[in-house]
Amino acid sequence: MMARIGRGGVIAAVLLAGMANLSGQSASSARQADAGGDTLTALLVEVRGLRAAMEQMASAGPRVQLFASRLQLQETRISNMIRRLDTVRDRVGEAQQDLNRLQTEEKQLQRALEEHKRSAAPGAGEEADMATLLLGGVRTKIANATATLNRSTAEEAQLMADLTAEQGRWTAINQQLDELEKVLAKR
């Protein structure tokens, strides 16, 4: 009978040990599964972060190119406006010189007219009439020169205002590029 109990006890002991081993493995597997789940979750978070960073970098490239193109376009506009402004300033200077020359000529003709009117010399009346006629022509030229000077001065003022606006746009685009550069540098 002892042999039977021994054998039955051994079998029971083996079964109990096997069950204990299986329950230990199940607990160990559960802990590993929990640790593996945490690792998997952390990896998923990291992959999503990397994907977001890659998408931002991919979208930043075209934005940088767009801003750079706009900046070049603004620089071209500004350069063209500066050339136009230089041309207009040259015209203003020429118009001012013409006006000054005509005003000097008018003064000379005015003095000559007064001298001829005071003169009792023969032919002084004819010379006075000629000076009056020339004075009228010079005054017409002065009016035209003044109008040209005023138009050129107004155009210069308008170009200066336009240039200031374009430079403001250039500055805004440049600031956007700087901000984008700062955002990209943080990564």
N, C-alpha and C. Protein backbone atom coordinates (compact mmCIF):
# COMPACT_ATOMS: atom_id res chain seq x y z
N MET A 1 0.81 -1.15 0.00
CA MET A 1 0.00 0.00 0.00
C MET A 1 0.87 1.24 0.00
N MET A 2 1.91 1.16 0.66
CA MET A 2 2.87 2.23 0.72
C MET A 2 3.40 2.56 -0.65
N ALA A 3 3.56 1.56 -1.42
CA ALA A 3 4.06 1.79 -2.75
C ALA A 3 3.00 2.51 -3.56
N ARG A 4 1.73 2.17 -3.27
CA ARG A 4 0.67 2.85 -4.00
C ARG A 4 0.58 4.30 -3.58
N ILE A 5 0.68 4.61 -2.37
CA ILE A 5 0.61 6.00 -1.90
C ILE A 5 1.83 6.73 -2.40
N GLY A 6 2.91 6.06 -2.38
CA GLY A 6 4.14 6.70 -2.83
C GLY A 6 4.04 7.08 -4.30
N ARG A 7 3.51 6.10 -5.01
CA ARG A 7 3.39 6.38 -6.42
C ARG A 7 2.32 7.44 -6.67
N GLY A 8 1.21 7.34 -6.01
CA GLY A 8 0.13 8.33 -6.15
C GLY A 8 0.57 9.69 -5.65
N GLY A 9 1.35 9.69 -4.55
CA GLY A 9 1.85 10.96 -4.00
C GLY A 9 2.85 11.59 -4.94
N VAL A 10 3.67 10.75 -5.55
CA VAL A 10 4.65 11.26 -6.50
C VAL A 10 3.91 11.86 -7.69
N ILE A 11 2.90 11.16 -8.13
CA ILE A 11 2.14 11.66 -9.27
C ILE A 11 1.46 12.97 -8.90
N ALA A 12 0.90 13.00 -7.69
CA ALA A 12 0.24 14.23 -7.23
C ALA A 12 1.26 15.35 -7.10
N ALA A 13 2.41 15.04 -6.59
CA ALA A 13 3.45 16.06 -6.43
C ALA A 13 3.90 16.58 -7.78
N VAL A 14 4.06 15.67 -8.74
CA VAL A 14 4.47 16.08 -10.09
C VAL A 14 3.39 16.96 -10.70
N LEU A 15 2.14 16.57 -10.51
CA LEU A 15 1.05 17.38 -11.06
C LEU A 15 1.00 18.76 -10.41
N LEU A 16 1.17 18.78 -9.09
CA LEU A 16 1.19 20.07 -8.39
C LEU A 16 2.36 20.93 -8.85
N ALA A 17 3.49 20.34 -9.02
CA ALA A 17 4.67 21.09 -9.47
C ALA A 17 4.45 21.62 -10.88
N GLY A 18 3.88 20.76 -11.72
CA GLY A 18 3.60 21.19 -13.09
C GLY A 18 2.62 22.35 -13.12
N MET A 19 1.59 22.29 -12.28
CA MET A 19 0.61 23.37 -12.23
C MET A 19 1.23 24.65 -11.70
N ALA A 20 2.08 24.50 -10.70
CA ALA A 20 2.75 25.68 -10.15
C ALA A 20 3.66 26.30 -11.20
N ASN A 21 4.34 25.45 -11.94
CA ASN A 21 5.23 25.93 -12.99
C ASN A 21 4.42 26.64 -14.08
N LEU A 22 3.30 26.07 -14.47
CA LEU A 22 2.46 26.68 -15.49
C LEU A 22 1.89 28.01 -15.02
N SER A 23 1.45 28.07 -13.77
CA SER A 23 0.90 29.33 -13.27
C SER A 23 2.00 30.38 -13.16
N GLY A 24 3.21 30.00 -12.84
CA GLY A 24 4.34 30.92 -12.78
C GLY A 24 4.69 31.43 -14.17
N GLN A 25 4.63 30.51 -15.13
CA GLN A 25 4.91 30.94 -16.51
C GLN A 25 3.83 31.88 -17.01
N SER A 26 2.59 31.63 -16.63
CA SER A 26 1.49 32.52 -17.04
C SER A 26 1.68 33.90 -16.45
N ALA A 27 2.05 33.99 -15.18
CA ALA A 27 2.28 35.28 -14.55
C ALA A 27 3.47 35.98 -15.19
N SER A 28 4.51 35.19 -15.47
CA SER A 28 5.69 35.75 -16.12
C SER A 28 5.34 36.24 -17.52
N SER A 29 4.54 35.44 -18.23
CA SER A 29 4.12 35.84 -19.57
C SER A 29 3.28 37.10 -19.52
N ALA A 30 2.44 37.21 -18.53
CA ALA A 30 1.58 38.40 -18.39
C ALA A 30 2.45 39.63 -18.12
N ARG A 31 3.48 39.46 -17.25
CA ARG A 31 4.37 40.59 -16.98
C ARG A 31 5.14 40.98 -18.22
N GLN A 32 5.61 39.98 -18.96
CA GLN A 32 6.33 40.26 -20.20
C GLN A 32 5.42 40.91 -21.23
N ALA A 33 4.18 40.46 -21.26
CA ALA A 33 3.22 41.04 -22.20
C ALA A 33 2.96 42.50 -21.85
N ASP A 34 2.84 42.76 -20.51
CA ASP A 34 2.64 44.15 -20.09
C ASP A 34 3.87 45.00 -20.43
N ALA A 35 5.05 44.50 -20.18
CA ALA A 35 6.28 45.22 -20.50
C ALA A 35 6.41 45.38 -22.01
N GLY A 36 6.08 44.34 -22.75
CA GLY A 36 6.12 44.41 -24.21
C GLY A 36 5.10 45.41 -24.73
N GLY A 37 3.93 45.49 -24.10
CA GLY A 37 2.90 46.46 -24.49
C GLY A 37 3.35 47.88 -24.25
N ASP A 38 4.01 48.10 -23.10
CA ASP A 38 4.54 49.44 -22.82
C ASP A 38 5.61 49.83 -23.83
N THR A 39 6.46 48.89 -24.15
CA THR A 39 7.51 49.15 -25.13
C THR A 39 6.90 49.42 -26.50
N LEU A 40 5.91 48.63 -26.85
CA LEU A 40 5.24 48.82 -28.13
C LEU A 40 4.54 50.17 -28.19
N THR A 41 3.89 50.55 -27.10
CA THR A 41 3.22 51.86 -27.04
C THR A 41 4.24 52.99 -27.17
N ALA A 42 5.36 52.84 -26.46
CA ALA A 42 6.40 53.86 -26.55
C ALA A 42 6.96 53.95 -27.96
N LEU A 43 7.14 52.81 -28.60
CA LEU A 43 7.64 52.81 -29.97
C LEU A 43 6.64 53.47 -30.93
N LEU A 44 5.36 53.18 -30.73
CA LEU A 44 4.34 53.80 -31.57
C LEU A 44 4.32 55.31 -31.41
N VAL A 45 4.46 55.77 -30.18
CA VAL A 45 4.50 57.22 -29.93
C VAL A 45 5.71 57.83 -30.62
N GLU A 46 6.85 57.16 -30.52
CA GLU A 46 8.08 57.66 -31.15
C GLU A 46 7.95 57.68 -32.67
N VAL A 47 7.36 56.63 -33.24
CA VAL A 47 7.18 56.57 -34.70
C VAL A 47 6.24 57.68 -35.15
N ARG A 48 5.18 57.91 -34.40
CA ARG A 48 4.26 58.99 -34.76
C ARG A 48 4.94 60.35 -34.68
N GLY A 49 5.76 60.55 -33.66
CA GLY A 49 6.51 61.81 -33.54
C GLY A 49 7.47 62.00 -34.70
N LEU A 50 8.15 60.93 -35.07
CA LEU A 50 9.07 61.01 -36.21
C LEU A 50 8.32 61.29 -37.50
N ARG A 51 7.16 60.67 -37.66
CA ARG A 51 6.36 60.90 -38.86
C ARG A 51 5.93 62.37 -38.92
N ALA A 52 5.48 62.92 -37.78
CA ALA A 52 5.06 64.33 -37.76
C ALA A 52 6.23 65.24 -38.08
N ALA A 53 7.40 64.93 -37.53
CA ALA A 53 8.59 65.75 -37.81
C ALA A 53 8.97 65.67 -39.29
N MET A 54 8.89 64.47 -39.86
CA MET A 54 9.21 64.31 -41.28
C MET A 54 8.21 65.07 -42.16
N GLU A 55 6.94 65.03 -41.78
CA GLU A 55 5.93 65.76 -42.55
C GLU A 55 6.16 67.26 -42.48
N GLN A 56 6.53 67.74 -41.28
CA GLN A 56 6.82 69.17 -41.13
C GLN A 56 8.03 69.56 -41.96
N MET A 57 9.05 68.75 -41.92
CA MET A 57 10.25 69.05 -42.70
C MET A 57 9.94 69.00 -44.19
N ALA A 58 9.12 68.03 -44.59
CA ALA A 58 8.77 67.92 -46.01
C ALA A 58 7.95 69.12 -46.46
N SER A 59 7.08 69.63 -45.60
CA SER A 59 6.29 70.80 -45.97
C SER A 59 7.10 72.08 -45.84
N ALA A 60 8.13 72.07 -45.04
CA ALA A 60 8.96 73.27 -44.86
C ALA A 60 9.79 73.55 -46.11
N GLY A 61 10.24 72.51 -46.79
CA GLY A 61 11.06 72.71 -47.99
C GLY A 61 10.35 73.56 -49.03
N PRO A 62 9.15 73.18 -49.43
CA PRO A 62 8.43 74.01 -50.41
C PRO A 62 8.12 75.42 -49.89
N ARG A 63 7.84 75.54 -48.60
CA ARG A 63 7.57 76.86 -48.04
C ARG A 63 8.81 77.74 -48.12
N VAL A 64 9.96 77.16 -47.82
CA VAL A 64 11.22 77.92 -47.91
C VAL A 64 11.45 78.35 -49.35
N GLN A 65 11.22 77.44 -50.30
CA GLN A 65 11.40 77.78 -51.71
C GLN A 65 10.43 78.87 -52.14
N LEU A 66 9.19 78.78 -51.67
CA LEU A 66 8.19 79.79 -52.02
C LEU A 66 8.60 81.15 -51.47
N PHE A 67 8.99 81.20 -50.20
CA PHE A 67 9.41 82.47 -49.61
C PHE A 67 10.65 83.02 -50.31
N ALA A 68 11.59 82.14 -50.64
CA ALA A 68 12.81 82.59 -51.32
C ALA A 68 12.46 83.15 -52.70
N SER A 69 11.54 82.51 -53.40
CA SER A 69 11.12 83.01 -54.71
C SER A 69 10.43 84.36 -54.59
N ARG A 70 9.58 84.48 -53.60
CA ARG A 70 8.90 85.76 -53.38
C ARG A 70 9.90 86.85 -53.02
N LEU A 71 10.88 86.49 -52.22
CA LEU A 71 11.90 87.45 -51.83
C LEU A 71 12.69 87.92 -53.06
N GLN A 72 13.04 86.99 -53.94
CA GLN A 72 13.75 87.37 -55.17
C GLN A 72 12.88 88.25 -56.05
N LEU A 73 11.61 87.93 -56.14
CA LEU A 73 10.69 88.73 -56.94
C LEU A 73 10.62 90.15 -56.38
N GLN A 74 10.52 90.27 -55.07
CA GLN A 74 10.48 91.60 -54.45
C GLN A 74 11.78 92.35 -54.70
N GLU A 75 12.90 91.66 -54.61
CA GLU A 75 14.18 92.32 -54.86
C GLU A 75 14.25 92.83 -56.29
N THR A 76 13.72 92.04 -57.23
CA THR A 76 13.68 92.47 -58.64
C THR A 76 12.80 93.70 -58.80
N ARG A 77 11.62 93.66 -58.17
CA ARG A 77 10.73 94.82 -58.23
C ARG A 77 11.39 96.06 -57.66
N ILE A 78 12.04 95.89 -56.54
CA ILE A 78 12.70 97.03 -55.89
C ILE A 78 13.82 97.57 -56.78
N SER A 79 14.60 96.67 -57.37
CA SER A 79 15.68 97.12 -58.27
C SER A 79 15.13 97.88 -59.46
N ASN A 80 14.05 97.37 -60.05
CA ASN A 80 13.42 98.06 -61.19
C ASN A 80 12.89 99.43 -60.77
N MET A 81 12.29 99.50 -59.60
CA MET A 81 11.76 100.78 -59.13
C MET A 81 12.89 101.78 -58.86
N ILE A 82 13.98 101.29 -58.34
CA ILE A 82 15.13 102.18 -58.07
C ILE A 82 15.67 102.73 -59.39
N ARG A 83 15.75 101.87 -60.42
CA ARG A 83 16.20 102.35 -61.73
C ARG A 83 15.23 103.40 -62.28
N ARG A 84 13.93 103.12 -62.18
CA ARG A 84 12.94 104.09 -62.65
C ARG A 84 13.05 105.39 -61.86
N LEU A 85 13.26 105.27 -60.56
CA LEU A 85 13.39 106.45 -59.72
C LEU A 85 14.61 107.27 -60.12
N ASP A 86 15.71 106.60 -60.40
CA ASP A 86 16.91 107.30 -60.86
C ASP A 86 16.65 108.05 -62.17
N THR A 87 15.93 107.39 -63.09
CA THR A 87 15.59 108.03 -64.37
C THR A 87 14.71 109.26 -64.14
N VAL A 88 13.72 109.12 -63.28
CA VAL A 88 12.82 110.24 -63.00
C VAL A 88 13.58 111.37 -62.30
N ARG A 89 14.48 111.03 -61.41
CA ARG A 89 15.26 112.07 -60.74
C ARG A 89 16.15 112.81 -61.73
N ASP A 90 16.68 112.07 -62.70
CA ASP A 90 17.46 112.74 -63.77
C ASP A 90 16.57 113.71 -64.54
N ARG A 91 15.34 113.28 -64.86
CA ARG A 91 14.41 114.16 -65.57
C ARG A 91 14.04 115.38 -64.71
N VAL A 92 13.87 115.17 -63.42
CA VAL A 92 13.58 116.30 -62.52
C VAL A 92 14.73 117.30 -62.56
N GLY A 93 15.95 116.79 -62.49
CA GLY A 93 17.12 117.67 -62.54
C GLY A 93 17.21 118.44 -63.84
N GLU A 94 16.97 117.73 -64.96
CA GLU A 94 16.99 118.40 -66.27
C GLU A 94 15.89 119.44 -66.38
N ALA A 95 14.69 119.08 -65.90
CA ALA A 95 13.56 120.03 -65.96
C ALA A 95 13.84 121.25 -65.09
N GLN A 96 14.47 121.03 -63.95
CA GLN A 96 14.81 122.17 -63.07
C GLN A 96 15.86 123.06 -63.75
N GLN A 97 16.85 122.46 -64.40
CA GLN A 97 17.85 123.25 -65.11
C GLN A 97 17.22 124.04 -66.26
N ASP A 98 16.33 123.38 -67.03
CA ASP A 98 15.64 124.09 -68.12
C ASP A 98 14.83 125.26 -67.58
N LEU A 99 14.13 125.02 -66.49
CA LEU A 99 13.31 126.09 -65.89
C LEU A 99 14.19 127.24 -65.42
N ASN A 100 15.30 126.92 -64.76
CA ASN A 100 16.22 127.97 -64.29
C ASN A 100 16.78 128.76 -65.48
N ARG A 101 17.17 128.06 -66.55
CA ARG A 101 17.70 128.73 -67.74
C ARG A 101 16.65 129.65 -68.36
N LEU A 102 15.41 129.16 -68.47
CA LEU A 102 14.33 129.97 -69.05
C LEU A 102 13.99 131.17 -68.17
N GLN A 103 14.04 130.99 -66.86
CA GLN A 103 13.77 132.12 -65.96
C GLN A 103 14.86 133.18 -66.07
N THR A 104 16.10 132.72 -66.23
CA THR A 104 17.20 133.67 -66.44
C THR A 104 17.01 134.41 -67.76
N GLU A 105 16.63 133.69 -68.80
CA GLU A 105 16.38 134.30 -70.10
C GLU A 105 15.23 135.31 -70.01
N GLU A 106 14.20 134.95 -69.23
CA GLU A 106 13.05 135.86 -69.06
C GLU A 106 13.50 137.16 -68.38
N LYS A 107 14.33 137.05 -67.37
CA LYS A 107 14.82 138.25 -66.68
C LYS A 107 15.63 139.13 -67.63
N GLN A 108 16.46 138.49 -68.44
CA GLN A 108 17.27 139.25 -69.39
C GLN A 108 16.38 139.97 -70.41
N LEU A 109 15.38 139.28 -70.93
CA LEU A 109 14.46 139.90 -71.89
C LEU A 109 13.64 141.01 -71.23
N GLN A 110 13.28 140.80 -69.98
CA GLN A 110 12.52 141.83 -69.25
C GLN A 110 13.37 143.10 -69.09
N ARG A 111 14.66 142.91 -68.73
CA ARG A 111 15.55 144.07 -68.61
C ARG A 111 15.75 144.76 -69.97
N ALA A 112 15.90 143.93 -71.01
CA ALA A 112 16.08 144.51 -72.36
C ALA A 112 14.83 145.27 -72.77
N LEU A 113 13.68 144.77 -72.47
CA LEU A 113 12.41 145.45 -72.82
C LEU A 113 12.32 146.78 -72.09
N GLU A 114 12.66 146.79 -70.81
CA GLU A 114 12.61 148.04 -70.04
C GLU A 114 13.60 149.06 -70.60
N GLU A 115 14.79 148.61 -70.98
CA GLU A 115 15.79 149.52 -71.56
C GLU A 115 15.30 150.09 -72.88
N HIS A 116 14.70 149.25 -73.71
CA HIS A 116 14.21 149.72 -75.02
C HIS A 116 13.04 150.68 -74.85
N LYS A 117 12.24 150.48 -73.83
CA LYS A 117 11.10 151.38 -73.61
C LYS A 117 11.60 152.75 -73.13
N ARG A 118 12.67 152.77 -72.36
CA ARG A 118 13.22 154.03 -71.86
C ARG A 118 14.09 154.74 -72.90
N SER A 119 14.55 153.99 -73.86
CA SER A 119 15.48 154.54 -74.84
C SER A 119 14.73 155.40 -75.86
N ALA A 120 15.40 156.48 -76.26
CA ALA A 120 14.86 157.37 -77.28
C ALA A 120 15.56 157.14 -78.61
N ALA A 121 16.37 156.12 -78.66
CA ALA A 121 17.12 155.82 -79.89
C ALA A 121 16.17 155.37 -80.99
N PRO A 122 16.60 155.66 -82.24
CA PRO A 122 15.75 155.22 -83.35
C PRO A 122 15.71 153.69 -83.39
N GLY A 123 14.57 153.10 -83.62
CA GLY A 123 14.39 151.65 -83.69
C GLY A 123 14.17 151.02 -82.34
N ALA A 124 14.16 151.81 -81.26
CA ALA A 124 13.97 151.27 -79.92
C ALA A 124 12.58 150.69 -79.78
N GLY A 125 11.62 151.28 -80.41
CA GLY A 125 10.24 150.78 -80.34
C GLY A 125 10.13 149.40 -80.97
N GLU A 126 10.81 149.25 -82.13
CA GLU A 126 10.78 147.95 -82.80
C GLU A 126 11.48 146.89 -81.96
N GLU A 127 12.60 147.27 -81.34
CA GLU A 127 13.32 146.33 -80.48
C GLU A 127 12.49 145.99 -79.25
N ALA A 128 11.73 146.94 -78.72
CA ALA A 128 10.85 146.69 -77.58
C ALA A 128 9.75 145.71 -77.98
N ASP A 129 9.20 145.91 -79.19
CA ASP A 129 8.17 144.98 -79.68
C ASP A 129 8.74 143.56 -79.83
N MET A 130 9.96 143.48 -80.36
CA MET A 130 10.62 142.17 -80.54
C MET A 130 10.87 141.52 -79.18
N ALA A 131 11.33 142.28 -78.19
CA ALA A 131 11.58 141.76 -76.84
C ALA A 131 10.27 141.28 -76.22
N THR A 132 9.17 142.03 -76.47
CA THR A 132 7.86 141.64 -75.93
C THR A 132 7.43 140.30 -76.54
N LEU A 133 7.64 140.18 -77.84
CA LEU A 133 7.29 138.93 -78.53
C LEU A 133 8.12 137.76 -78.00
N LEU A 134 9.43 137.95 -77.86
CA LEU A 134 10.32 136.91 -77.34
C LEU A 134 9.97 136.56 -75.90
N LEU A 135 9.61 137.58 -75.12
CA LEU A 135 9.24 137.38 -73.72
C LEU A 135 8.00 136.50 -73.62
N GLY A 136 7.04 136.71 -74.51
CA GLY A 136 5.84 135.86 -74.53
C GLY A 136 6.18 134.41 -74.82
N GLY A 137 7.10 134.18 -75.78
CA GLY A 137 7.53 132.81 -76.11
C GLY A 137 8.26 132.15 -74.94
N VAL A 138 9.11 132.94 -74.27
CA VAL A 138 9.86 132.39 -73.13
C VAL A 138 8.90 132.06 -71.99
N ARG A 139 7.89 132.90 -71.78
CA ARG A 139 6.92 132.62 -70.70
C ARG A 139 6.12 131.35 -71.00
N THR A 140 5.80 131.12 -72.25
CA THR A 140 5.12 129.87 -72.64
C THR A 140 6.02 128.67 -72.35
N LYS A 141 7.31 128.83 -72.71
CA LYS A 141 8.27 127.75 -72.42
C LYS A 141 8.42 127.52 -70.92
N ILE A 142 8.39 128.60 -70.15
CA ILE A 142 8.48 128.49 -68.68
C ILE A 142 7.27 127.72 -68.15
N ALA A 143 6.09 128.02 -68.67
CA ALA A 143 4.89 127.31 -68.23
C ALA A 143 5.00 125.81 -68.54
N ASN A 144 5.49 125.51 -69.76
CA ASN A 144 5.66 124.10 -70.12
C ASN A 144 6.72 123.42 -69.25
N ALA A 145 7.83 124.13 -69.02
CA ALA A 145 8.90 123.56 -68.18
C ALA A 145 8.41 123.35 -66.75
N THR A 146 7.61 124.28 -66.25
CA THR A 146 7.07 124.14 -64.90
C THR A 146 6.14 122.93 -64.83
N ALA A 147 5.30 122.76 -65.86
CA ALA A 147 4.39 121.60 -65.89
C ALA A 147 5.19 120.29 -65.94
N THR A 148 6.24 120.27 -66.75
CA THR A 148 7.09 119.08 -66.85
C THR A 148 7.76 118.79 -65.51
N LEU A 149 8.27 119.83 -64.88
CA LEU A 149 8.91 119.68 -63.57
C LEU A 149 7.90 119.16 -62.55
N ASN A 150 6.69 119.70 -62.54
CA ASN A 150 5.67 119.26 -61.59
C ASN A 150 5.27 117.80 -61.82
N ARG A 151 5.12 117.41 -63.10
CA ARG A 151 4.79 116.01 -63.41
C ARG A 151 5.91 115.08 -62.95
N SER A 152 7.14 115.48 -63.24
CA SER A 152 8.28 114.64 -62.86
C SER A 152 8.42 114.56 -61.35
N THR A 153 8.17 115.65 -60.67
CA THR A 153 8.25 115.66 -59.20
C THR A 153 7.14 114.78 -58.61
N ALA A 154 5.94 114.85 -59.19
CA ALA A 154 4.83 114.01 -58.71
C ALA A 154 5.14 112.53 -58.97
N GLU A 155 5.71 112.24 -60.13
CA GLU A 155 6.08 110.85 -60.45
C GLU A 155 7.15 110.36 -59.48
N GLU A 156 8.10 111.22 -59.16
CA GLU A 156 9.15 110.86 -58.20
C GLU A 156 8.54 110.54 -56.84
N ALA A 157 7.60 111.37 -56.40
CA ALA A 157 6.95 111.15 -55.10
C ALA A 157 6.18 109.83 -55.11
N GLN A 158 5.47 109.56 -56.21
CA GLN A 158 4.70 108.31 -56.31
C GLN A 158 5.63 107.10 -56.31
N LEU A 159 6.73 107.20 -57.06
CA LEU A 159 7.69 106.09 -57.08
C LEU A 159 8.31 105.87 -55.70
N MET A 160 8.57 106.93 -54.98
CA MET A 160 9.12 106.80 -53.62
C MET A 160 8.11 106.07 -52.72
N ALA A 161 6.83 106.43 -52.83
CA ALA A 161 5.80 105.76 -52.03
C ALA A 161 5.70 104.28 -52.42
N ASP A 162 5.72 104.01 -53.73
CA ASP A 162 5.65 102.62 -54.20
C ASP A 162 6.88 101.83 -53.74
N LEU A 163 8.03 102.46 -53.81
CA LEU A 163 9.26 101.80 -53.39
C LEU A 163 9.22 101.48 -51.90
N THR A 164 8.71 102.41 -51.12
CA THR A 164 8.59 102.17 -49.68
C THR A 164 7.65 101.00 -49.40
N ALA A 165 6.55 100.91 -50.15
CA ALA A 165 5.61 99.80 -49.99
C ALA A 165 6.27 98.48 -50.37
N GLU A 166 7.00 98.47 -51.48
CA GLU A 166 7.67 97.23 -51.92
C GLU A 166 8.74 96.82 -50.92
N GLN A 167 9.45 97.79 -50.35
CA GLN A 167 10.45 97.46 -49.34
C GLN A 167 9.79 96.90 -48.09
N GLY A 168 8.60 97.39 -47.77
CA GLY A 168 7.84 96.85 -46.64
C GLY A 168 7.45 95.39 -46.89
N ARG A 169 7.02 95.10 -48.12
CA ARG A 169 6.69 93.71 -48.47
C ARG A 169 7.93 92.83 -48.39
N TRP A 170 9.05 93.35 -48.87
CA TRP A 170 10.31 92.60 -48.82
C TRP A 170 10.66 92.29 -47.36
N THR A 171 10.50 93.27 -46.50
CA THR A 171 10.81 93.07 -45.09
C THR A 171 9.89 92.02 -44.48
N ALA A 172 8.60 92.04 -44.82
CA ALA A 172 7.66 91.06 -44.29
C ALA A 172 8.02 89.64 -44.74
N ILE A 173 8.37 89.49 -46.00
CA ILE A 173 8.76 88.17 -46.50
C ILE A 173 10.04 87.71 -45.83
N ASN A 174 10.97 88.61 -45.66
CA ASN A 174 12.24 88.28 -45.01
C ASN A 174 11.99 87.86 -43.56
N GLN A 175 11.07 88.53 -42.87
CA GLN A 175 10.74 88.14 -41.49
C GLN A 175 10.11 86.75 -41.45
N GLN A 176 9.26 86.44 -42.43
CA GLN A 176 8.67 85.11 -42.48
C GLN A 176 9.74 84.05 -42.70
N LEU A 177 10.70 84.35 -43.54
CA LEU A 177 11.81 83.42 -43.74
C LEU A 177 12.62 83.24 -42.46
N ASP A 178 12.85 84.34 -41.74
CA ASP A 178 13.57 84.25 -40.47
C ASP A 178 12.82 83.39 -39.47
N GLU A 179 11.50 83.56 -39.39
CA GLU A 179 10.68 82.77 -38.46
C GLU A 179 10.72 81.29 -38.84
N LEU A 180 10.64 81.01 -40.12
CA LEU A 180 10.70 79.63 -40.59
C LEU A 180 12.06 79.03 -40.27
N GLU A 181 13.10 79.83 -40.44
CA GLU A 181 14.45 79.36 -40.11
C GLU A 181 14.57 79.03 -38.63
N LYS A 182 13.97 79.86 -37.79
CA LYS A 182 14.02 79.60 -36.34
C LYS A 182 13.27 78.31 -35.99
N VAL A 183 12.12 78.10 -36.63
CA VAL A 183 11.35 76.89 -36.37
C VAL A 183 12.14 75.66 -36.80
N LEU A 184 12.77 75.74 -37.95
CA LEU A 184 13.54 74.60 -38.44
C LEU A 184 14.81 74.36 -37.62
N ALA A 185 15.37 75.41 -37.08
CA ALA A 185 16.60 75.29 -36.28
C ALA A 185 16.33 74.61 -34.95
N LYS A 186 15.11 74.71 -34.45
CA LYS A 186 14.77 74.12 -33.16
C LYS A 186 14.76 72.59 -33.23
N ARG A 187 14.67 72.04 -34.40
CA ARG A 187 14.55 70.57 -34.55
C ARG A 187 15.87 69.94 -34.52
